[in-house]
Amino acid sequence: MSVVEKKPITIAETKEILEARLEELDPLQRRVHDYTVRLTKLPSENAEALVTELVEQAELERGLAVQIANSLPTSVGELRTFLGRRRIIAEEVMNSILGIIEKYRSQ
């Protein structure tokens, strides 16, 4: 495989990419695929939609939105582990981010 584009992607998107090339994966890539199968929490389309919504509505950086989509935090405390060191964010903003996450978790 060669690098075509470099951008943060979710675990679900990684799984989809690897499954499209399953026959030609080397042993390391197969281990990464196994990891993605175990840790994927959302379908690829929902994960990308969640990232897009977090970037647009919550004004988060894409890399941070991807980390949040991969872990799907359930509380302000869990969300603070991602957001805390970057900037101070009002609790109502964090609750709105959790609302966006919950919308995709329940699909």
C-alpha atoms as a PDB file:
ATOM      1  CA  MET A   1       0.000   0.000   0.000  1.00  0.00           C
ATOM      2  CA  SER A   2       1.165   3.518  -0.652  1.00  0.00           C
ATOM      3  CA  VAL A   3       0.198   6.834   0.919  1.00  0.00           C
ATOM      4  CA  VAL A   4      -2.490   8.497  -1.168  1.00  0.00           C
ATOM      5  CA  GLU A   5      -3.699  11.074   1.326  1.00  0.00           C
ATOM      6  CA  LYS A   6      -2.830  11.838   4.926  1.00  0.00           C
ATOM      7  CA  LYS A   7      -5.641  12.776   7.322  1.00  0.00           C
ATOM      8  CA  PRO A   8      -6.947  11.501  10.648  1.00  0.00           C
ATOM      9  CA  ILE A   9      -9.540   8.757  10.166  1.00  0.00           C
ATOM     10  CA  THR A  10     -11.665   6.774  12.575  1.00  0.00           C
ATOM     11  CA  ILE A  11     -11.093   3.155  13.510  1.00  0.00           C
ATOM     12  CA  ALA A  12     -14.264   2.286  11.577  1.00  0.00           C
ATOM     13  CA  GLU A  13     -12.902   3.903   8.410  1.00  0.00           C
ATOM     14  CA  THR A  14      -9.608   2.063   8.882  1.00  0.00           C
ATOM     15  CA  LYS A  15     -11.495  -1.213   9.182  1.00  0.00           C
ATOM     16  CA  GLU A  16     -13.386  -0.497   5.958  1.00  0.00           C
ATOM     17  CA  ILE A  17     -10.180   0.326   4.052  1.00  0.00           C
ATOM     18  CA  LEU A  18      -8.424  -2.819   5.283  1.00  0.00           C
ATOM     19  CA  GLU A  19     -11.403  -5.058   4.538  1.00  0.00           C
ATOM     20  CA  ALA A  20     -11.430  -3.813   0.953  1.00  0.00           C
ATOM     21  CA  ARG A  21      -7.885  -5.202   0.586  1.00  0.00           C
ATOM     22  CA  LEU A  22      -8.080  -8.163   2.934  1.00  0.00           C
ATOM     23  CA  GLU A  23      -6.443 -10.629   0.517  1.00  0.00           C
ATOM     24  CA  GLU A  24      -3.311  -8.531   0.038  1.00  0.00           C
ATOM     25  CA  LEU A  25      -2.584  -7.574   3.660  1.00  0.00           C
ATOM     26  CA  ASP A  26       0.757  -8.421   5.212  1.00  0.00           C
ATOM     27  CA  PRO A  27       0.870  -9.881   8.757  1.00  0.00           C
ATOM     28  CA  LEU A  28       1.147  -6.485  10.486  1.00  0.00           C
ATOM     29  CA  GLN A  29      -1.780  -5.103   8.499  1.00  0.00           C
ATOM     30  CA  ARG A  30      -3.816  -8.206   9.412  1.00  0.00           C
ATOM     31  CA  ARG A  31      -3.120  -7.557  13.114  1.00  0.00           C
ATOM     32  CA  VAL A  32      -4.254  -3.961  12.657  1.00  0.00           C
ATOM     33  CA  HIS A  33      -7.408  -5.266  10.961  1.00  0.00           C
ATOM     34  CA  ASP A  34      -8.067  -7.611  13.910  1.00  0.00           C
ATOM     35  CA  TYR A  35      -7.654  -4.620  16.242  1.00  0.00           C
ATOM     36  CA  THR A  36     -10.161  -2.563  14.240  1.00  0.00           C
ATOM     37  CA  VAL A  37     -12.693  -5.411  14.276  1.00  0.00           C
ATOM     38  CA  ARG A  38     -12.528  -5.579  18.080  1.00  0.00           C
ATOM     39  CA  LEU A  39     -12.593  -1.821  18.737  1.00  0.00           C
ATOM     40  CA  THR A  40     -14.976  -0.404  16.144  1.00  0.00           C
ATOM     41  CA  LYS A  41     -17.962   1.127  17.924  1.00  0.00           C
ATOM     42  CA  LEU A  42     -19.844   2.669  14.985  1.00  0.00           C
ATOM     43  CA  PRO A  43     -20.354   1.845  11.308  1.00  0.00           C
ATOM     44  CA  SER A  44     -17.969   3.779   9.070  1.00  0.00           C
ATOM     45  CA  GLU A  45     -20.673   6.081   7.674  1.00  0.00           C
ATOM     46  CA  ASN A  46     -21.907   7.020  11.162  1.00  0.00           C
ATOM     47  CA  ALA A  47     -18.375   7.576  12.438  1.00  0.00           C
ATOM     48  CA  GLU A  48     -17.581   9.936   9.561  1.00  0.00           C
ATOM     49  CA  ALA A  49     -20.895  11.758  10.022  1.00  0.00           C
ATOM     50  CA  LEU A  50     -20.146  12.167  13.737  1.00  0.00           C
ATOM     51  CA  VAL A  51     -16.680  13.561  12.988  1.00  0.00           C
ATOM     52  CA  THR A  52     -18.142  15.985  10.444  1.00  0.00           C
ATOM     53  CA  GLU A  53     -20.799  17.161  12.884  1.00  0.00           C
ATOM     54  CA  LEU A  54     -18.261  17.632  15.681  1.00  0.00           C
ATOM     55  CA  VAL A  55     -16.009  19.654  13.369  1.00  0.00           C
ATOM     56  CA  GLU A  56     -18.823  21.822  12.034  1.00  0.00           C
ATOM     57  CA  GLN A  57     -21.103  22.303  15.035  1.00  0.00           C
ATOM     58  CA  ALA A  58     -18.719  21.994  17.968  1.00  0.00           C
ATOM     59  CA  GLU A  59     -15.847  23.642  16.047  1.00  0.00           C
ATOM     60  CA  LEU A  60     -13.363  20.935  17.019  1.00  0.00           C
ATOM     61  CA  GLU A  61     -10.215  20.084  15.078  1.00  0.00           C
ATOM     62  CA  ARG A  62     -10.627  16.986  12.904  1.00  0.00           C
ATOM     63  CA  GLY A  63      -7.983  14.991  14.807  1.00  0.00           C
ATOM     64  CA  LEU A  64      -9.721  15.684  18.113  1.00  0.00           C
ATOM     65  CA  ALA A  65     -13.137  14.848  16.620  1.00  0.00           C
ATOM     66  CA  VAL A  66     -11.732  11.520  15.362  1.00  0.00           C
ATOM     67  CA  GLN A  67     -10.421  10.658  18.843  1.00  0.00           C
ATOM     68  CA  ILE A  68     -13.834  11.429  20.322  1.00  0.00           C
ATOM     69  CA  ALA A  69     -15.625   9.363  17.647  1.00  0.00           C
ATOM     70  CA  ASN A  70     -13.297   6.426  18.319  1.00  0.00           C
ATOM     71  CA  SER A  71     -13.956   6.392  22.069  1.00  0.00           C
ATOM     72  CA  LEU A  72     -17.542   7.743  22.319  1.00  0.00           C
ATOM     73  CA  PRO A  73     -17.229   9.281  25.805  1.00  0.00           C
ATOM     74  CA  THR A  74     -20.381   9.118  27.931  1.00  0.00           C
ATOM     75  CA  SER A  75     -19.739  11.806  30.539  1.00  0.00           C
ATOM     76  CA  VAL A  76     -18.287  15.286  30.880  1.00  0.00           C
ATOM     77  CA  GLY A  77     -15.398  13.755  32.834  1.00  0.00           C
ATOM     78  CA  GLU A  78     -14.517  11.373  30.011  1.00  0.00           C
ATOM     79  CA  LEU A  79     -14.902  14.146  27.424  1.00  0.00           C
ATOM     80  CA  ARG A  80     -12.674  16.430  29.500  1.00  0.00           C
ATOM     81  CA  THR A  81      -9.791  13.966  28.999  1.00  0.00           C
ATOM     82  CA  PHE A  82      -9.822  14.943  25.314  1.00  0.00           C
ATOM     83  CA  LEU A  83     -10.693  18.612  25.628  1.00  0.00           C
ATOM     84  CA  GLY A  84      -9.189  19.601  28.979  1.00  0.00           C
ATOM     85  CA  ARG A  85      -5.635  20.316  27.985  1.00  0.00           C
ATOM     86  CA  ARG A  86      -6.461  22.192  24.791  1.00  0.00           C
ATOM     87  CA  ARG A  87      -8.695  24.929  26.170  1.00  0.00           C
ATOM     88  CA  ILE A  88     -11.257  25.742  28.801  1.00  0.00           C
ATOM     89  CA  ILE A  89     -14.719  24.805  27.577  1.00  0.00           C
ATOM     90  CA  ALA A  90     -18.027  25.658  29.224  1.00  0.00           C
ATOM     91  CA  GLU A  91     -19.976  22.721  30.610  1.00  0.00           C
ATOM     92  CA  GLU A  92     -22.985  23.482  28.380  1.00  0.00           C
ATOM     93  CA  VAL A  93     -20.735  23.171  25.325  1.00  0.00           C
ATOM     94  CA  MET A  94     -19.475  19.827  26.593  1.00  0.00           C
ATOM     95  CA  ASN A  95     -23.067  18.713  27.176  1.00  0.00           C
ATOM     96  CA  SER A  96     -23.966  19.687  23.603  1.00  0.00           C
ATOM     97  CA  ILE A  97     -20.999  17.641  22.343  1.00  0.00           C
ATOM     98  CA  LEU A  98     -22.215  14.691  24.450  1.00  0.00           C
ATOM     99  CA  GLY A  99     -25.669  15.177  22.895  1.00  0.00           C
ATOM    100  CA  ILE A 100     -24.191  14.912  19.407  1.00  0.00           C
ATOM    101  CA  ILE A 101     -22.294  11.767  20.426  1.00  0.00           C
ATOM    102  CA  GLU A 102     -25.401  10.218  21.978  1.00  0.00           C
ATOM    103  CA  LYS A 103     -27.366  10.786  18.769  1.00  0.00           C
ATOM    104  CA  TYR A 104     -24.889   8.585  16.865  1.00  0.00           C
ATOM    105  CA  ARG A 105     -24.416   6.042  19.647  1.00  0.00           C
ATOM    106  CA  SER A 106     -28.141   5.243  19.635  1.00  0.00           C
ATOM    107  CA  GLN A 107     -28.320   4.640  15.860  1.00  0.00           C
END
